[in-house]
Protein backbone atom coordinates (compact mmCIF):
# COMPACT_ATOMS: atom_id res chain seq x y z
CA MET A 1 110.92 195.06 -28.92
CA VAL A 2 112.99 192.41 -27.13
CA GLN A 3 115.94 192.93 -29.46
CA THR A 4 115.85 196.68 -28.84
CA ALA A 5 115.76 196.19 -25.06
CA LEU A 6 118.66 193.73 -25.25
CA ALA A 7 120.70 196.08 -27.47
CA VAL A 8 120.18 199.02 -25.10
CA THR A 9 121.04 196.84 -22.10
CA ALA A 10 124.20 195.50 -23.78
CA HIS A 11 125.31 199.03 -24.67
CA LEU A 12 124.70 200.19 -21.11
CA GLU A 13 126.42 197.14 -19.57
CA THR A 14 129.53 197.64 -21.70
CA ASP A 15 129.92 201.35 -20.94
CA LEU A 16 129.13 201.08 -17.22
CA HIS A 17 131.50 198.17 -16.77
CA ARG A 18 134.28 199.94 -18.67
CA SER A 19 133.82 203.29 -16.89
CA ALA A 20 133.15 202.16 -13.33
CA GLY A 21 133.19 198.36 -13.08
CA LEU A 22 129.43 198.29 -12.42
CA THR A 23 126.52 196.37 -13.86
CA PRO A 24 123.37 198.40 -14.61
CA PHE A 25 121.69 196.77 -11.59
CA GLU A 26 124.58 197.73 -9.28
CA PHE A 27 124.52 201.26 -10.69
CA HIS A 28 120.78 201.51 -10.08
CA LEU A 29 121.16 200.20 -6.52
CA LEU A 30 123.99 202.63 -5.67
CA ALA A 31 121.93 205.52 -7.10
CA VAL A 32 118.92 204.55 -4.98
CA LEU A 33 121.08 204.25 -1.87
CA GLY A 34 122.72 207.59 -2.63
CA CYS A 35 119.33 209.28 -2.97
CA GLN A 36 117.71 207.65 0.02
CA GLY A 37 120.50 208.37 2.47
CA PRO A 38 122.06 206.02 4.98
CA ASP A 39 120.49 202.92 6.48
CA LEU A 40 117.87 201.99 3.91
CA PRO A 41 116.12 198.74 4.89
CA MET A 42 116.93 195.96 2.43
CA SER A 43 113.21 195.43 1.79
CA ALA A 44 112.84 199.09 0.75
CA ALA A 45 115.95 198.86 -1.45
CA ALA A 46 114.50 195.73 -3.11
CA HIS A 47 111.28 197.62 -3.72
CA TYR A 48 113.03 200.59 -5.35
CA VAL A 49 115.24 198.47 -7.61
CA ASP A 50 112.41 196.05 -8.43
CA SER A 51 114.27 193.02 -7.12
CA SER A 52 113.71 190.03 -4.90
CA LEU A 53 115.37 190.16 -1.48
CA SER A 54 117.37 187.07 -2.42
CA ARG A 55 118.84 188.66 -5.55
CA LEU A 56 119.47 191.93 -3.74
CA SER A 57 121.21 190.13 -0.89
CA HIS A 58 123.65 188.48 -3.33
CA VAL A 59 124.40 191.81 -5.04
CA VAL A 60 124.81 193.65 -1.72
CA ARG A 61 127.21 190.93 -0.54
CA ARG A 62 129.36 191.49 -3.65
CA LEU A 63 129.27 195.27 -3.19
CA GLU A 64 130.19 194.85 0.49
CA GLU A 65 133.22 192.77 -0.52
CA ARG A 66 134.30 195.64 -2.78
CA GLY A 67 133.76 198.20 -0.01
CA TRP A 68 131.00 200.02 -1.92
CA VAL A 69 128.20 199.43 0.61
CA THR A 70 127.84 198.46 4.23
CA ARG A 71 125.12 196.34 5.75
CA ARG A 72 124.16 196.14 9.40
CA THR A 73 121.31 194.95 11.56
CA SER A 74 118.78 197.57 12.59
CA PRO A 75 119.12 198.51 16.27
CA GLU A 76 115.30 198.78 16.47
CA ASP A 77 114.46 195.45 14.84
CA ALA A 78 117.00 192.63 14.56
CA ARG A 79 115.01 191.15 11.64
CA VAL A 80 115.81 194.21 9.47
CA SER A 81 119.09 194.69 7.60
CA LEU A 82 120.08 198.25 6.74
CA VAL A 83 122.26 199.05 3.74
CA THR A 84 124.28 202.22 3.11
CA VAL A 85 126.46 203.32 0.20
CA THR A 86 130.04 204.11 1.26
CA PRO A 87 132.16 207.03 0.04
CA VAL A 88 134.00 204.58 -2.24
CA GLY A 89 130.63 203.41 -3.59
CA MET A 90 129.57 207.01 -4.20
CA GLU A 91 132.81 207.57 -6.12
CA ARG A 92 132.01 204.55 -8.31
CA LEU A 93 128.52 205.92 -8.88
CA GLU A 94 129.90 209.33 -9.86
CA ASN A 95 132.32 207.68 -12.32
CA ALA A 96 129.39 205.92 -13.99
CA ARG A 97 126.98 208.86 -14.18
CA GLY A 98 128.65 210.50 -17.17
CA PRO A 99 128.56 207.38 -19.35
CA TYR A 100 124.99 206.64 -18.22
CA ARG A 101 123.85 210.14 -19.16
CA ARG A 102 125.66 209.92 -22.50
CA ILE A 103 123.93 206.63 -23.32
CA THR A 104 120.56 208.04 -22.26
CA ARG A 105 121.14 211.05 -24.46
CA GLU A 106 122.27 208.97 -27.46
CA VAL A 107 119.60 206.30 -27.21
CA PHE A 108 116.60 208.35 -26.14
CA LEU A 109 117.02 212.11 -26.10
CA ASP A 110 118.84 212.48 -29.42
CA ALA A 111 116.77 209.81 -31.18
CA PHE A 112 113.35 211.33 -30.48
CA THR A 113 111.70 214.69 -30.79
CA ALA A 114 110.33 216.18 -27.57
CA GLU A 115 106.84 215.04 -28.58
CA GLU A 116 108.02 211.50 -29.37
CA LEU A 117 109.91 211.31 -26.09
CA GLU A 118 106.81 212.41 -24.18
CA GLN A 119 104.77 209.76 -25.98
CA TYR A 120 107.47 207.12 -25.37
CA THR A 121 107.47 208.02 -21.67
CA ARG A 122 103.70 207.70 -21.42
CA LEU A 123 103.75 204.33 -23.19
CA THR A 124 106.65 203.04 -21.10
CA LEU A 125 104.93 204.04 -17.88
CA ARG A 126 101.73 202.36 -19.10
CA LEU A 127 103.70 199.15 -19.71
CA LEU A 128 105.27 199.45 -16.27
CA ALA A 129 101.83 199.91 -14.71
CA GLY A 130 100.66 196.72 -16.40
CA LEU A 131 103.72 194.79 -15.26
CA ARG A 132 104.08 196.22 -11.75
CA GLU A 133 100.82 197.66 -10.48
CA GLY A 134 101.53 200.34 -7.89
CA HIS A 135 105.23 200.62 -8.86
CA TRP A 136 106.82 203.54 -6.98
CA LEU A 137 107.83 205.26 -10.22
CA LEU A 138 104.19 205.58 -11.22
CA ASN A 139 103.71 207.85 -8.21
CA GLU A 140 106.79 210.01 -8.68
CA GLU A 141 105.73 212.43 -5.93
CA ARG A 142 106.65 209.80 -3.33
CA TRP A 143 110.30 210.82 -3.78
CA PRO A 144 111.89 214.27 -3.61
CA GLN A 145 112.74 215.87 -6.96
CA GLU A 146 116.44 215.03 -6.61
CA ALA A 147 115.69 211.32 -6.24
CA ARG A 148 113.29 211.30 -9.20
CA GLU A 149 116.02 212.86 -11.32
CA GLU A 150 118.50 210.18 -10.30
CA VAL A 151 116.25 207.16 -10.74
CA ALA A 152 114.40 208.05 -13.94
CA VAL A 153 113.58 205.11 -16.15
CA ASP A 154 114.04 206.81 -19.50
CA GLY A 155 115.59 210.22 -18.92
CA SER A 156 112.32 212.12 -18.99
CA VAL A 157 110.64 211.40 -15.66
CA GLY A 158 113.27 213.48 -13.85
CA ASP A 159 115.75 215.90 -15.36
CA SER A 160 116.85 215.66 -18.97
CA SER A 161 120.18 214.10 -18.04
CA GLY A 162 118.52 210.91 -16.89
CA GLY A 163 119.52 208.56 -14.13
CA PRO A 164 119.89 204.89 -13.55
CA GLY A 165 117.23 202.89 -15.28
CA GLY A 166 115.69 199.53 -14.59
CA ALA A 167 117.72 196.39 -14.78
CA SER A 168 117.17 193.03 -16.31
CA GLU A 169 117.57 189.76 -14.47
CA SER A 170 120.94 189.19 -16.15
CA ASP A 171 122.44 192.34 -14.67
CA ASP A 172 123.74 190.83 -11.48
């Protein structure tokens, strides 16, 4: 199981880096920011990308340096940092969506029958529930349909084209 996860991650890393200069984690973060709209609190972004605030802060700093996101202090609460994807960041995200969807199709959609994919999805979500009780993806109605389509874990929780998946710790 570990070897399969590492192989999928390596394939995804290679194609996303080549197509858009993004790691899978950066791709996932930009997709979340694109779906959530401007000024997402960093704590909420960390929640949606399943990251610590420390890790997210380092990644956001790198993306800020590239001009792909902006970060500012909330006018309502100086303790809260708000992050927004920029038009340049959205362009990067768009450049990476095609390769991401192709990989999702090759690895998951083309490899399984519809019944197998449904079973895989159920099992994957069960594993996620055991690892991250109350994870937002387990309650997909919390997000509008468009966001669920963009942030699907395995290409079947949203639309069939998939969206950015989870990231491993080595993705930043």
